[in-house]
């Protein structure tokens, strides 16, 4: 269960207060310090780590998000 660059996720803008929007992840960074907006690039990360303000995700709508602003899309089988 990993978040991988290219996956689609649900995103809430306005720091999690806007309605959900489906977007594609174009980049993932792990910051050195929580709340820091710069870090090192990774291609994938375990979803258990995608919870706070130490993961920054770039989106195909030209925006970026902290980890807590995105969630997995669960597809029915």
PDB file of N, CA and C in Angstrom:
ATOM      1  N   UNK A   1       0.834  -1.188   0.000  1.00  0.00           N
ATOM      2  CA  UNK A   1       0.000   0.000   0.000  1.00  0.00           C
ATOM      3  C   UNK A   1       0.876   1.248   0.000  1.00  0.00           C
ATOM      4  N   UNK A   2       1.194   1.685  -1.194  1.00  0.00           N
ATOM      5  CA  UNK A   2       2.084   2.838  -1.346  1.00  0.00           C
ATOM      6  C   UNK A   2       1.412   3.931  -2.159  1.00  0.00           C
ATOM      7  N   UNK A   3       1.795   5.150  -1.869  1.00  0.00           N
ATOM      8  CA  UNK A   3       1.454   6.288  -2.712  1.00  0.00           C
ATOM      9  C   UNK A   3       2.595   6.413  -3.712  1.00  0.00           C
ATOM     10  N   UNK A   4       2.268   6.409  -4.984  1.00  0.00           N
ATOM     11  CA  UNK A   4       3.273   6.421  -6.039  1.00  0.00           C
ATOM     12  C   UNK A   4       2.987   7.588  -6.981  1.00  0.00           C
ATOM     13  N   UNK A   5       4.046   8.263  -7.432  1.00  0.00           N
ATOM     14  CA  UNK A   5       3.892   9.336  -8.405  1.00  0.00           C
ATOM     15  C   UNK A   5       3.106   8.785  -9.594  1.00  0.00           C
ATOM     16  N   UNK A   6       2.074   9.502 -10.015  1.00  0.00           N
ATOM     17  CA  UNK A   6       1.201   9.069 -11.105  1.00  0.00           C
ATOM     18  C   UNK A   6      -0.148   8.588 -10.619  1.00  0.00           C
ATOM     19  N   UNK A   7      -0.254   8.225  -9.333  1.00  0.00           N
ATOM     20  CA  UNK A   7      -1.535   7.784  -8.781  1.00  0.00           C
ATOM     21  C   UNK A   7      -2.511   8.944  -8.682  1.00  0.00           C
ATOM     22  N   UNK A   8      -3.789   8.617  -8.717  1.00  0.00           N
ATOM     23  CA  UNK A   8      -4.844   9.592  -8.483  1.00  0.00           C
ATOM     24  C   UNK A   8      -5.248   9.515  -7.014  1.00  0.00           C
ATOM     25  N   UNK A   9      -5.516  10.670  -6.425  1.00  0.00           N
ATOM     26  CA  UNK A   9      -5.911  10.756  -5.019  1.00  0.00           C
ATOM     27  C   UNK A   9      -7.050  11.761  -4.890  1.00  0.00           C
ATOM     28  N   UNK A  10      -7.692  11.762  -3.729  1.00  0.00           N
ATOM     29  CA  UNK A  10      -8.656  12.795  -3.384  1.00  0.00           C
ATOM     30  C   UNK A  10      -7.896  13.894  -2.658  1.00  0.00           C
ATOM     31  N   UNK A  11      -8.107  15.131  -3.061  1.00  0.00           N
ATOM     32  CA  UNK A  11      -7.423  16.286  -2.479  1.00  0.00           C
ATOM     33  C   UNK A  11      -8.446  17.279  -1.988  1.00  0.00           C
ATOM     34  N   UNK A  12      -8.165  17.896  -0.854  1.00  0.00           N
ATOM     35  CA  UNK A  12      -8.989  18.986  -0.326  1.00  0.00           C
ATOM     36  C   UNK A  12      -8.110  20.220  -0.203  1.00  0.00           C
ATOM     37  N   UNK A  13      -8.421  21.242  -0.985  1.00  0.00           N
ATOM     38  CA  UNK A  13      -7.692  22.497  -0.911  1.00  0.00           C
ATOM     39  C   UNK A  13      -8.027  23.242   0.368  1.00  0.00           C
ATOM     40  N   UNK A  14      -7.521  24.463   0.489  1.00  0.00           N
ATOM     41  CA  UNK A  14      -7.757  25.313   1.665  1.00  0.00           C
ATOM     42  C   UNK A  14      -7.379  24.568   2.949  1.00  0.00           C
ATOM     43  N   UNK A  15      -6.221  23.894   2.889  1.00  0.00           N
ATOM     44  CA  UNK A  15      -5.700  23.140   4.031  1.00  0.00           C
ATOM     45  C   UNK A  15      -6.697  22.121   4.558  1.00  0.00           C
ATOM     46  N   UNK A  16      -7.399  21.473   3.617  1.00  0.00           N
ATOM     47  CA  UNK A  16      -8.306  20.380   3.972  1.00  0.00           C
ATOM     48  C   UNK A  16      -9.749  20.777   4.154  1.00  0.00           C
ATOM     49  N   UNK A  17     -10.100  22.030   3.896  1.00  0.00           N
ATOM     50  CA  UNK A  17     -11.468  22.496   4.135  1.00  0.00           C
ATOM     51  C   UNK A  17     -12.337  22.543   2.883  1.00  0.00           C
ATOM     52  N   UNK A  18     -11.740  22.567   1.695  1.00  0.00           N
ATOM     53  CA  UNK A  18     -12.513  22.601   0.459  1.00  0.00           C
ATOM     54  C   UNK A  18     -13.102  21.226   0.159  1.00  0.00           C
ATOM     55  N   UNK A  19     -14.093  21.166  -0.736  1.00  0.00           N
ATOM     56  CA  UNK A  19     -14.631  19.868  -1.164  1.00  0.00           C
ATOM     57  C   UNK A  19     -13.542  19.030  -1.837  1.00  0.00           C
ATOM     58  N   UNK A  20     -13.691  17.717  -1.802  1.00  0.00           N
ATOM     59  CA  UNK A  20     -12.718  16.817  -2.414  1.00  0.00           C
ATOM     60  C   UNK A  20     -12.705  16.973  -3.923  1.00  0.00           C
ATOM     61  N   UNK A  21     -11.520  16.795  -4.486  1.00  0.00           N
ATOM     62  CA  UNK A  21     -11.326  16.840  -5.927  1.00  0.00           C
ATOM     63  C   UNK A  21     -10.343  15.730  -6.286  1.00  0.00           C
ATOM     64  N   UNK A  22     -10.627  14.997  -7.348  1.00  0.00           N
ATOM     65  CA  UNK A  22      -9.694  13.960  -7.790  1.00  0.00           C
ATOM     66  C   UNK A  22      -8.576  14.605  -8.588  1.00  0.00           C
ATOM     67  N   UNK A  23      -7.335  14.310  -8.194  1.00  0.00           N
ATOM     68  CA  UNK A  23      -6.156  14.864  -8.850  1.00  0.00           C
ATOM     69  C   UNK A  23      -5.108  13.761  -8.998  1.00  0.00           C
ATOM     70  N   UNK A  24      -4.113  14.034  -9.833  1.00  0.00           N
ATOM     71  CA  UNK A  24      -3.019  13.080 -10.025  1.00  0.00           C
ATOM     72  C   UNK A  24      -1.765  13.613  -9.334  1.00  0.00           C
ATOM     73  N   UNK A  25      -1.039  12.721  -8.673  1.00  0.00           N
ATOM     74  CA  UNK A  25       0.201  13.074  -7.995  1.00  0.00           C
ATOM     75  C   UNK A  25       1.319  13.165  -9.036  1.00  0.00           C
ATOM     76  N   UNK A  26       1.997  14.333  -9.081  1.00  0.00           N
ATOM     77  CA  UNK A  26       3.086  14.521 -10.039  1.00  0.00           C
ATOM     78  C   UNK A  26       4.451  14.532  -9.355  1.00  0.00           C
ATOM     79  N   UNK A  27       4.470  14.593  -8.033  1.00  0.00           N
ATOM     80  CA  UNK A  27       5.723  14.566  -7.296  1.00  0.00           C
ATOM     81  C   UNK A  27       5.475  14.352  -5.816  1.00  0.00           C
ATOM     82  N   UNK A  28       6.448  13.764  -5.144  1.00  0.00           N
ATOM     83  CA  UNK A  28       6.370  13.532  -3.695  1.00  0.00           C
ATOM     84  C   UNK A  28       7.702  13.951  -3.096  1.00  0.00           C
ATOM     85  N   UNK A  29       7.636  14.739  -2.025  1.00  0.00           N
ATOM     86  CA  UNK A  29       8.841  15.121  -1.291  1.00  0.00           C
ATOM     87  C   UNK A  29       8.659  14.784   0.180  1.00  0.00           C
ATOM     88  N   UNK A  30       9.733  14.356   0.801  1.00  0.00           N
ATOM     89  CA  UNK A  30       9.771  14.142   2.243  1.00  0.00           C
ATOM     90  C   UNK A  30      10.614  15.277   2.812  1.00  0.00           C
ATOM     91  N   UNK A  31      10.017  16.079   3.698  1.00  0.00           N
ATOM     92  CA  UNK A  31      10.765  17.219   4.238  1.00  0.00           C
ATOM     93  C   UNK A  31      11.641  16.771   5.398  1.00  0.00           C
ATOM     94  N   UNK A  32      12.701  17.517   5.618  1.00  0.00           N
ATOM     95  CA  UNK A  32      13.635  17.204   6.690  1.00  0.00           C
ATOM     96  C   UNK A  32      13.044  17.542   8.048  1.00  0.00           C
ATOM     97  N   UNK A  33      12.213  18.582   8.072  1.00  0.00           N
ATOM     98  CA  UNK A  33      11.579  19.055   9.306  1.00  0.00           C
ATOM     99  C   UNK A  33      10.109  19.288   9.003  1.00  0.00           C
ATOM    100  N   UNK A  34       9.198  18.859   9.900  1.00  0.00           N
ATOM    101  CA  UNK A  34       7.769  19.095   9.699  1.00  0.00           C
ATOM    102  C   UNK A  34       7.517  20.578   9.461  1.00  0.00           C
ATOM    103  N   UNK A  35       6.594  20.882   8.576  1.00  0.00           N
ATOM    104  CA  UNK A  35       6.199  22.233   8.162  1.00  0.00           C
ATOM    105  C   UNK A  35       7.181  22.875   7.197  1.00  0.00           C
ATOM    106  N   UNK A  36       8.301  22.228   6.900  1.00  0.00           N
ATOM    107  CA  UNK A  36       9.245  22.752   5.925  1.00  0.00           C
ATOM    108  C   UNK A  36       8.717  22.395   4.536  1.00  0.00           C
ATOM    109  N   UNK A  37       8.742  23.326   3.614  1.00  0.00           N
ATOM    110  CA  UNK A  37       8.172  23.095   2.286  1.00  0.00           C
ATOM    111  C   UNK A  37       9.183  22.563   1.285  1.00  0.00           C
ATOM    112  N   UNK A  38      10.352  22.174   1.740  1.00  0.00           N
ATOM    113  CA  UNK A  38      11.343  21.577   0.861  1.00  0.00           C
ATOM    114  C   UNK A  38      11.885  20.311   1.493  1.00  0.00           C
ATOM    115  N   UNK A  39      12.245  19.369   0.642  1.00  0.00           N
ATOM    116  CA  UNK A  39      12.784  18.110   1.132  1.00  0.00           C
ATOM    117  C   UNK A  39      13.447  17.361   0.003  1.00  0.00           C
ATOM    118  N   UNK A  40      13.472  16.053   0.108  1.00  0.00           N
ATOM    119  CA  UNK A  40      14.068  15.241  -0.946  1.00  0.00           C
ATOM    120  C   UNK A  40      12.966  14.493  -1.691  1.00  0.00           C
ATOM    121  N   UNK A  41      13.168  14.354  -3.004  1.00  0.00           N
ATOM    122  CA  UNK A  41      12.182  13.707  -3.865  1.00  0.00           C
ATOM    123  C   UNK A  41      12.208  12.196  -3.691  1.00  0.00           C
ATOM    124  N   UNK A  42      11.016  11.608  -3.708  1.00  0.00           N
ATOM    125  CA  UNK A  42      10.864  10.160  -3.742  1.00  0.00           C
ATOM    126  C   UNK A  42       9.825   9.824  -4.802  1.00  0.00           C
ATOM    127  N   UNK A  43       9.875   8.636  -5.324  1.00  0.00           N
ATOM    128  CA  UNK A  43       8.896   8.195  -6.331  1.00  0.00           C
ATOM    129  C   UNK A  43       7.694   7.510  -5.690  1.00  0.00           C
ATOM    130  N   UNK A  44       7.901   7.004  -4.468  1.00  0.00           N
ATOM    131  CA  UNK A  44       6.814   6.330  -3.758  1.00  0.00           C
ATOM    132  C   UNK A  44       7.068   6.404  -2.268  1.00  0.00           C
ATOM    133  N   UNK A  45       5.976   6.236  -1.507  1.00  0.00           N
ATOM    134  CA  UNK A  45       6.074   6.256  -0.047  1.00  0.00           C
ATOM    135  C   UNK A  45       4.933   5.428   0.518  1.00  0.00           C
ATOM    136  N   UNK A  46       5.168   4.777   1.617  1.00  0.00           N
ATOM    137  CA  UNK A  46       4.140   3.963   2.261  1.00  0.00           C
ATOM    138  C   UNK A  46       2.992   4.861   2.715  1.00  0.00           C
ATOM    139  N   UNK A  47       1.748   4.440   2.443  1.00  0.00           N
ATOM    140  CA  UNK A  47       0.582   5.252   2.819  1.00  0.00           C
ATOM    141  C   UNK A  47       0.534   5.512   4.322  1.00  0.00           C
ATOM    142  N   UNK A  48       1.092   4.642   5.147  1.00  0.00           N
ATOM    143  CA  UNK A  48       1.097   4.863   6.595  1.00  0.00           C
ATOM    144  C   UNK A  48       1.895   6.109   6.974  1.00  0.00           C
ATOM    145  N   UNK A  49       2.784   6.558   6.095  1.00  0.00           N
ATOM    146  CA  UNK A  49       3.583   7.761   6.355  1.00  0.00           C
ATOM    147  C   UNK A  49       2.921   9.030   5.847  1.00  0.00           C
ATOM    148  N   UNK A  50       1.839   8.882   5.095  1.00  0.00           N
ATOM    149  CA  UNK A  50       1.183  10.029   4.467  1.00  0.00           C
ATOM    150  C   UNK A  50       0.104  10.557   5.415  1.00  0.00           C
ATOM    151  N   UNK A  51       0.552  11.293   6.458  1.00  0.00           N
ATOM    152  CA  UNK A  51      -0.409  11.742   7.465  1.00  0.00           C
ATOM    153  C   UNK A  51      -0.234  13.185   7.921  1.00  0.00           C
ATOM    154  N   UNK A  52       0.931  13.737   7.876  1.00  0.00           N
ATOM    155  CA  UNK A  52       1.140  15.030   8.519  1.00  0.00           C
ATOM    156  C   UNK A  52       1.645  16.119   7.615  1.00  0.00           C
ATOM    157  N   UNK A  53       2.568  16.891   8.157  1.00  0.00           N
ATOM    158  CA  UNK A  53       3.141  18.029   7.447  1.00  0.00           C
ATOM    159  C   UNK A  53       4.621  17.808   7.124  1.00  0.00           C
ATOM    160  N   UNK A  54       5.002  16.552   6.968  1.00  0.00           N
ATOM    161  CA  UNK A  54       6.380  16.271   6.561  1.00  0.00           C
ATOM    162  C   UNK A  54       6.441  15.614   5.188  1.00  0.00           C
ATOM    163  N   UNK A  55       5.282  15.421   4.569  1.00  0.00           N
ATOM    164  CA  UNK A  55       5.184  14.920   3.202  1.00  0.00           C
ATOM    165  C   UNK A  55       4.491  15.990   2.375  1.00  0.00           C
ATOM    166  N   UNK A  56       5.126  16.363   1.250  1.00  0.00           N
ATOM    167  CA  UNK A  56       4.581  17.360   0.349  1.00  0.00           C
ATOM    168  C   UNK A  56       4.300  16.666  -0.978  1.00  0.00           C
ATOM    169  N   UNK A  57       3.102  16.864  -1.501  1.00  0.00           N
ATOM    170  CA  UNK A  57       2.697  16.200  -2.726  1.00  0.00           C
ATOM    171  C   UNK A  57       2.372  17.259  -3.775  1.00  0.00           C
ATOM    172  N   UNK A  58       3.008  17.161  -4.940  1.00  0.00           N
ATOM    173  CA  UNK A  58       2.693  18.037  -6.066  1.00  0.00           C
ATOM    174  C   UNK A  58       1.571  17.398  -6.871  1.00  0.00           C
ATOM    175  N   UNK A  59       0.666  18.237  -7.376  1.00  0.00           N
ATOM    176  CA  UNK A  59      -0.539  17.750  -8.034  1.00  0.00           C
ATOM    177  C   UNK A  59      -0.637  18.269  -9.468  1.00  0.00           C
ATOM    178  N   UNK A  60      -1.389  17.547 -10.295  1.00  0.00           N
ATOM    179  CA  UNK A  60      -1.502  17.924 -11.712  1.00  0.00           C
ATOM    180  C   UNK A  60      -2.357  19.161 -11.950  1.00  0.00           C
ATOM    181  N   UNK A  61      -2.978  19.697 -10.923  1.00  0.00           N
ATOM    182  CA  UNK A  61      -3.756  20.933 -11.071  1.00  0.00           C
ATOM    183  C   UNK A  61      -2.898  22.168 -10.774  1.00  0.00           C
ATOM    184  N   UNK A  62      -1.592  21.959 -10.645  1.00  0.00           N
ATOM    185  CA  UNK A  62      -0.682  23.070 -10.391  1.00  0.00           C
ATOM    186  C   UNK A  62      -0.542  23.430  -8.932  1.00  0.00           C
ATOM    187  N   UNK A  63      -1.189  22.704  -8.056  1.00  0.00           N
ATOM    188  CA  UNK A  63      -1.145  22.965  -6.616  1.00  0.00           C
ATOM    189  C   UNK A  63      -0.248  21.947  -5.935  1.00  0.00           C
ATOM    190  N   UNK A  64      -0.053  22.132  -4.642  1.00  0.00           N
ATOM    191  CA  UNK A  64       0.667  21.167  -3.823  1.00  0.00           C
ATOM    192  C   UNK A  64      -0.157  20.966  -2.562  1.00  0.00           C
ATOM    193  N   UNK A  65       0.151  19.923  -1.809  1.00  0.00           N
ATOM    194  CA  UNK A  65      -0.618  19.611  -0.608  1.00  0.00           C
ATOM    195  C   UNK A  65       0.273  18.972   0.435  1.00  0.00           C
ATOM    196  N   UNK A  66      -0.081  19.215   1.675  1.00  0.00           N
ATOM    197  CA  UNK A  66       0.486  18.436   2.774  1.00  0.00           C
ATOM    198  C   UNK A  66      -0.190  17.074   2.742  1.00  0.00           C
ATOM    199  N   UNK A  67       0.422  16.098   3.358  1.00  0.00           N
ATOM    200  CA  UNK A  67      -0.107  14.734   3.357  1.00  0.00           C
ATOM    201  C   UNK A  67      -1.535  14.658   3.908  1.00  0.00           C
ATOM    202  N   UNK A  68      -1.849  15.439   4.931  1.00  0.00           N
ATOM    203  CA  UNK A  68      -3.175  15.335   5.541  1.00  0.00           C
ATOM    204  C   UNK A  68      -4.286  15.852   4.631  1.00  0.00           C
ATOM    205  N   UNK A  69      -3.938  16.512   3.523  1.00  0.00           N
ATOM    206  CA  UNK A  69      -4.942  17.041   2.598  1.00  0.00           C
ATOM    207  C   UNK A  69      -5.342  16.036   1.523  1.00  0.00           C
ATOM    208  N   UNK A  70      -4.679  14.886   1.463  1.00  0.00           N
ATOM    209  CA  UNK A  70      -5.007  13.900   0.437  1.00  0.00           C
ATOM    210  C   UNK A  70      -5.441  12.588   1.069  1.00  0.00           C
ATOM    211  N   UNK A  71      -6.168  11.806   0.285  1.00  0.00           N
ATOM    212  CA  UNK A  71      -6.568  10.473   0.737  1.00  0.00           C
ATOM    213  C   UNK A  71      -6.636   9.541  -0.468  1.00  0.00           C
ATOM    214  N   UNK A  72      -6.551   8.269  -0.164  1.00  0.00           N
ATOM    215  CA  UNK A  72      -6.620   7.235  -1.203  1.00  0.00           C
ATOM    216  C   UNK A  72      -7.999   7.220  -1.831  1.00  0.00           C
ATOM    217  N   UNK A  73      -8.041   6.852  -3.076  1.00  0.00           N
ATOM    218  CA  UNK A  73      -9.322   6.593  -3.751  1.00  0.00           C
ATOM    219  C   UNK A  73      -9.551   5.095  -3.683  1.00  0.00           C
ATOM    220  N   UNK A  74     -10.633   4.716  -3.093  1.00  0.00           N
ATOM    221  CA  UNK A  74     -10.981   3.298  -2.981  1.00  0.00           C
ATOM    222  C   UNK A  74     -11.933   2.957  -4.115  1.00  0.00           C
ATOM    223  N   UNK A  75     -11.524   2.062  -4.977  1.00  0.00           N
ATOM    224  CA  UNK A  75     -12.351   1.643  -6.096  1.00  0.00           C
ATOM    225  C   UNK A  75     -13.059   0.343  -5.757  1.00  0.00           C
ATOM    226  N   UNK A  76     -14.332   0.257  -6.136  1.00  0.00           N
ATOM    227  CA  UNK A  76     -15.087  -0.969  -5.908  1.00  0.00           C
ATOM    228  C   UNK A  76     -14.651  -2.020  -6.930  1.00  0.00           C
ATOM    229  N   UNK A  77     -14.617  -3.271  -6.485  1.00  0.00           N
ATOM    230  CA  UNK A  77     -14.231  -4.367  -7.403  1.00  0.00           C
ATOM    231  C   UNK A  77     -15.390  -4.819  -8.207  1.00  0.00           C
TER     232      UNK A  77
END
